[in-house]
Every structure is written in structure tokens, then in C-alpha cells.
Amino acid sequence: MEENISELIGLQVYTRNGVFVGSVDNLVIDVDKNTIYGLFIRETNPLIVEGATSISIPYRWVSNVGDIILLRFFPSKVSTSGEGPPLDEDLVE
């Protein structure tokens, strides 16, 4: 999945079930290894991200990149209560 990283900025991100998550605002990258570690999403969907806060999604959750970004996994609900990362059973497949 080789992409020009600047082309990812601004793309809309969806779960595999077609639920809008948000748009890519920035990337978490390792320049030395030429690897993308995550997508920084701003102004997220308040129906699945509490408070519509900004989040970072691990790039390993990305399934496809094209006109949009389609995720392979995403938690059913993201809480900002500080309870920790989602458990595997909380991931939407």
C-alpha cells in the first residue's frame, strides 16, 4: 500500500461498515524507516467518538486507501474518560 503521504491529508476515514470517523489532519511517521504509524483525525464523528475529540488511529487498522480511507478495525465507541485502550472484543470487524 504505497501512497504519497501528502495525499492522505484531508481524506475522509470510514469504518468497514461505512460509518464516518473523521478526516485525516496529520500523520504520525518514522522518517528514518519511511513508515506511517498512525493517522491523526480531527473533528471526529460524535456518534462514535465521545466529545468529537481528536484521535490517533494506528495505521495497521487501515484496510484500503483510495478516494477515502477504509478501516479494517475500529472500536464501537471511543471514550475520553481515560479508561485505557479498547479491548480486542471492543473492535468492530
N, C-alpha and C. Protein backbone atom coordinates (compact mmCIF):
# COMPACT_ATOMS: atom_id res chain seq x y z
N MET A 1 0.84 -1.17 0.00
CA MET A 1 0.00 0.00 0.00
C MET A 1 0.89 1.24 0.00
N GLU A 2 1.50 1.53 -1.10
CA GLU A 2 2.42 2.67 -1.19
C GLU A 2 1.66 3.89 -1.67
N GLU A 3 1.65 4.92 -0.87
CA GLU A 3 0.96 6.17 -1.17
C GLU A 3 1.91 7.33 -0.93
N ASN A 4 1.69 8.41 -1.64
CA ASN A 4 2.37 9.65 -1.33
C ASN A 4 1.69 10.18 -0.07
N ILE A 5 2.45 10.32 1.02
CA ILE A 5 1.81 10.63 2.30
C ILE A 5 1.05 11.94 2.28
N SER A 6 1.46 12.91 1.48
CA SER A 6 0.74 14.18 1.44
C SER A 6 -0.67 13.98 0.88
N GLU A 7 -0.89 12.93 0.10
CA GLU A 7 -2.21 12.66 -0.47
C GLU A 7 -3.19 12.14 0.57
N LEU A 8 -2.68 11.66 1.72
CA LEU A 8 -3.56 11.15 2.77
C LEU A 8 -4.21 12.27 3.57
N ILE A 9 -3.55 13.42 3.65
CA ILE A 9 -4.08 14.55 4.41
C ILE A 9 -5.39 15.01 3.76
N GLY A 10 -6.43 15.12 4.58
CA GLY A 10 -7.73 15.57 4.10
C GLY A 10 -8.67 14.45 3.70
N LEU A 11 -8.17 13.22 3.54
CA LEU A 11 -9.05 12.11 3.17
C LEU A 11 -10.01 11.78 4.30
N GLN A 12 -11.23 11.43 3.94
CA GLN A 12 -12.22 11.01 4.92
C GLN A 12 -11.95 9.56 5.31
N VAL A 13 -12.20 9.25 6.58
CA VAL A 13 -11.95 7.92 7.12
C VAL A 13 -13.28 7.30 7.53
N TYR A 14 -13.48 6.03 7.11
CA TYR A 14 -14.71 5.30 7.40
C TYR A 14 -14.39 3.93 8.01
N THR A 15 -15.30 3.44 8.86
CA THR A 15 -15.19 2.07 9.35
C THR A 15 -15.54 1.14 8.20
N ARG A 16 -15.29 -0.12 8.38
CA ARG A 16 -15.61 -1.08 7.31
C ARG A 16 -17.11 -1.20 7.09
N ASN A 17 -17.91 -0.73 8.06
CA ASN A 17 -19.37 -0.72 7.92
C ASN A 17 -19.90 0.59 7.34
N GLY A 18 -19.00 1.46 6.92
CA GLY A 18 -19.40 2.71 6.27
C GLY A 18 -19.73 3.85 7.19
N VAL A 19 -19.34 3.76 8.47
CA VAL A 19 -19.58 4.85 9.42
C VAL A 19 -18.44 5.85 9.32
N PHE A 20 -18.78 7.12 9.11
CA PHE A 20 -17.78 8.18 9.01
C PHE A 20 -17.11 8.39 10.36
N VAL A 21 -15.77 8.37 10.37
CA VAL A 21 -14.99 8.59 11.60
C VAL A 21 -14.51 10.03 11.67
N GLY A 22 -13.97 10.56 10.58
CA GLY A 22 -13.44 11.92 10.53
C GLY A 22 -12.53 12.05 9.33
N SER A 23 -11.76 13.12 9.28
CA SER A 23 -10.83 13.35 8.18
C SER A 23 -9.41 13.42 8.70
N VAL A 24 -8.47 12.96 7.89
CA VAL A 24 -7.06 12.95 8.28
C VAL A 24 -6.55 14.38 8.34
N ASP A 25 -6.04 14.76 9.49
CA ASP A 25 -5.47 16.10 9.69
C ASP A 25 -3.95 16.07 9.64
N ASN A 26 -3.37 14.94 10.07
CA ASN A 26 -1.92 14.82 10.11
C ASN A 26 -1.55 13.34 10.20
N LEU A 27 -0.27 13.05 10.10
CA LEU A 27 0.21 11.68 10.15
C LEU A 27 1.29 11.54 11.22
N VAL A 28 1.36 10.36 11.81
CA VAL A 28 2.44 10.01 12.72
C VAL A 28 3.37 9.11 11.92
N ILE A 29 4.59 9.61 11.65
CA ILE A 29 5.51 8.84 10.79
C ILE A 29 6.89 8.70 11.42
N ASP A 30 7.61 7.67 10.97
CA ASP A 30 9.01 7.49 11.30
C ASP A 30 9.77 7.76 10.00
N VAL A 31 10.39 8.92 9.93
CA VAL A 31 11.06 9.35 8.71
C VAL A 31 12.23 8.43 8.37
N ASP A 32 12.97 7.98 9.39
CA ASP A 32 14.12 7.11 9.15
C ASP A 32 13.72 5.77 8.53
N LYS A 33 12.58 5.24 8.97
CA LYS A 33 12.13 3.94 8.48
C LYS A 33 11.12 4.06 7.34
N ASN A 34 10.75 5.31 6.99
CA ASN A 34 9.76 5.52 5.92
C ASN A 34 8.45 4.80 6.22
N THR A 35 7.99 4.88 7.47
CA THR A 35 6.81 4.14 7.91
C THR A 35 5.78 5.08 8.52
N ILE A 36 4.52 4.85 8.17
CA ILE A 36 3.41 5.58 8.79
C ILE A 36 2.94 4.76 9.98
N TYR A 37 2.90 5.37 11.16
CA TYR A 37 2.44 4.68 12.36
C TYR A 37 0.99 4.98 12.69
N GLY A 38 0.51 6.14 12.28
CA GLY A 38 -0.87 6.47 12.64
C GLY A 38 -1.43 7.63 11.84
N LEU A 39 -2.73 7.75 11.93
CA LEU A 39 -3.47 8.85 11.31
C LEU A 39 -4.05 9.70 12.42
N PHE A 40 -3.79 11.00 12.38
CA PHE A 40 -4.36 11.92 13.36
C PHE A 40 -5.65 12.46 12.77
N ILE A 41 -6.77 12.18 13.45
CA ILE A 41 -8.09 12.56 12.97
C ILE A 41 -8.64 13.67 13.85
N ARG A 42 -9.03 14.76 13.21
CA ARG A 42 -9.58 15.91 13.94
C ARG A 42 -11.07 16.04 13.59
N GLU A 43 -11.85 16.63 14.47
CA GLU A 43 -13.29 16.83 14.28
C GLU A 43 -13.96 15.51 13.92
N THR A 44 -13.87 14.58 14.84
CA THR A 44 -14.40 13.23 14.63
C THR A 44 -15.92 13.18 14.79
N ASN A 45 -16.47 12.07 14.38
CA ASN A 45 -17.90 11.82 14.45
C ASN A 45 -18.32 11.67 15.92
N PRO A 46 -19.16 12.56 16.45
CA PRO A 46 -19.53 12.50 17.87
C PRO A 46 -20.38 11.27 18.21
N LEU A 47 -20.90 10.59 17.23
CA LEU A 47 -21.69 9.39 17.49
C LEU A 47 -20.82 8.20 17.89
N ILE A 48 -19.54 8.25 17.49
CA ILE A 48 -18.65 7.14 17.84
C ILE A 48 -17.42 7.57 18.63
N VAL A 49 -17.15 8.88 18.69
CA VAL A 49 -16.03 9.41 19.48
C VAL A 49 -16.59 10.45 20.45
N GLU A 50 -16.54 10.12 21.72
CA GLU A 50 -17.09 11.00 22.75
C GLU A 50 -16.51 12.40 22.64
N GLY A 51 -17.40 13.38 22.58
CA GLY A 51 -16.99 14.78 22.53
C GLY A 51 -16.40 15.20 21.19
N ALA A 52 -16.45 14.35 20.20
CA ALA A 52 -15.88 14.64 18.87
C ALA A 52 -14.43 15.11 18.98
N THR A 53 -13.71 14.55 19.95
CA THR A 53 -12.31 14.93 20.16
C THR A 53 -11.40 14.34 19.10
N SER A 54 -10.23 14.90 18.96
CA SER A 54 -9.23 14.40 18.02
C SER A 54 -8.68 13.08 18.53
N ILE A 55 -8.38 12.18 17.60
CA ILE A 55 -7.85 10.86 17.95
C ILE A 55 -6.73 10.49 16.99
N SER A 56 -5.94 9.52 17.38
CA SER A 56 -4.92 8.94 16.51
C SER A 56 -5.30 7.47 16.29
N ILE A 57 -5.34 7.08 15.03
CA ILE A 57 -5.70 5.71 14.67
C ILE A 57 -4.44 5.01 14.18
N PRO A 58 -4.13 3.83 14.73
CA PRO A 58 -2.96 3.09 14.25
C PRO A 58 -3.09 2.77 12.76
N TYR A 59 -2.03 2.97 12.01
CA TYR A 59 -2.10 2.72 10.57
C TYR A 59 -2.35 1.25 10.26
N ARG A 60 -2.00 0.36 11.17
CA ARG A 60 -2.24 -1.06 10.94
C ARG A 60 -3.74 -1.37 10.87
N TRP A 61 -4.59 -0.46 11.32
CA TRP A 61 -6.04 -0.63 11.23
C TRP A 61 -6.57 -0.29 9.84
N VAL A 62 -5.75 0.33 8.99
CA VAL A 62 -6.18 0.73 7.65
C VAL A 62 -6.28 -0.49 6.75
N SER A 63 -7.40 -0.59 6.06
CA SER A 63 -7.63 -1.69 5.13
C SER A 63 -7.32 -1.26 3.70
N ASN A 64 -7.91 -0.14 3.27
CA ASN A 64 -7.75 0.35 1.90
C ASN A 64 -7.61 1.86 1.88
N VAL A 65 -6.82 2.35 0.93
CA VAL A 65 -6.67 3.79 0.71
C VAL A 65 -6.98 4.05 -0.75
N GLY A 66 -7.87 5.00 -0.98
CA GLY A 66 -8.24 5.41 -2.34
C GLY A 66 -8.77 6.83 -2.25
N ASP A 67 -10.00 7.02 -2.70
CA ASP A 67 -10.64 8.32 -2.55
C ASP A 67 -10.99 8.58 -1.09
N ILE A 68 -11.11 7.51 -0.32
CA ILE A 68 -11.35 7.56 1.12
C ILE A 68 -10.39 6.55 1.77
N ILE A 69 -10.36 6.56 3.09
CA ILE A 69 -9.61 5.54 3.83
C ILE A 69 -10.62 4.65 4.53
N LEU A 70 -10.50 3.36 4.28
CA LEU A 70 -11.39 2.37 4.89
C LEU A 70 -10.61 1.61 5.95
N LEU A 71 -11.21 1.54 7.14
CA LEU A 71 -10.54 0.87 8.26
C LEU A 71 -10.94 -0.59 8.35
N ARG A 72 -10.02 -1.40 8.74
CA ARG A 72 -10.24 -2.83 8.99
C ARG A 72 -10.87 -3.02 10.37
N PHE A 73 -10.42 -2.23 11.35
CA PHE A 73 -10.92 -2.28 12.73
C PHE A 73 -11.19 -0.87 13.22
N PHE A 74 -12.14 -0.76 14.14
CA PHE A 74 -12.36 0.48 14.87
C PHE A 74 -13.24 0.15 16.07
N PRO A 75 -12.95 0.74 17.24
CA PRO A 75 -13.78 0.46 18.43
C PRO A 75 -15.22 0.88 18.17
N SER A 76 -16.15 0.19 18.78
CA SER A 76 -17.56 0.53 18.60
C SER A 76 -17.87 1.91 19.17
N LYS A 77 -17.12 2.33 20.18
CA LYS A 77 -17.28 3.67 20.77
C LYS A 77 -15.96 4.06 21.42
N VAL A 78 -15.50 5.28 21.19
CA VAL A 78 -14.28 5.78 21.79
C VAL A 78 -14.66 6.73 22.91
N SER A 79 -14.16 6.45 24.11
CA SER A 79 -14.46 7.24 25.29
C SER A 79 -13.24 8.08 25.66
N THR A 80 -13.48 9.28 26.14
CA THR A 80 -12.39 10.14 26.59
C THR A 80 -12.25 10.11 28.11
N SER A 81 -12.86 9.12 28.74
CA SER A 81 -12.85 9.05 30.20
C SER A 81 -11.52 8.57 30.76
N GLY A 82 -10.58 8.19 29.91
CA GLY A 82 -9.27 7.76 30.37
C GLY A 82 -9.24 6.33 30.86
N GLU A 83 -10.17 5.51 30.40
CA GLU A 83 -10.23 4.12 30.84
C GLU A 83 -9.20 3.23 30.16
N GLY A 84 -8.42 3.75 29.25
CA GLY A 84 -7.42 2.94 28.57
C GLY A 84 -7.84 2.57 27.17
N PRO A 85 -6.96 1.85 26.46
CA PRO A 85 -7.24 1.48 25.09
C PRO A 85 -8.35 0.43 25.01
N PRO A 86 -9.01 0.33 23.83
CA PRO A 86 -10.07 -0.66 23.70
C PRO A 86 -9.53 -2.08 23.76
N LEU A 87 -10.35 -2.97 24.27
CA LEU A 87 -10.01 -4.37 24.26
C LEU A 87 -10.34 -4.96 22.90
N ASP A 88 -9.74 -6.10 22.56
CA ASP A 88 -9.98 -6.72 21.27
C ASP A 88 -11.47 -6.94 21.00
N GLU A 89 -12.23 -7.31 22.04
CA GLU A 89 -13.65 -7.57 21.83
C GLU A 89 -14.45 -6.29 21.57
N ASP A 90 -13.84 -5.12 21.82
CA ASP A 90 -14.49 -3.85 21.53
C ASP A 90 -14.27 -3.38 20.11
N LEU A 91 -13.44 -4.07 19.36
CA LEU A 91 -13.14 -3.68 17.99
C LEU A 91 -14.21 -4.17 17.04
N VAL A 92 -14.61 -3.29 16.13
CA VAL A 92 -15.59 -3.64 15.13
C VAL A 92 -14.85 -4.26 13.97
N GLU A 93 -15.20 -5.48 13.61
CA GLU A 93 -14.54 -6.15 12.48
C GLU A 93 -15.41 -6.17 11.27
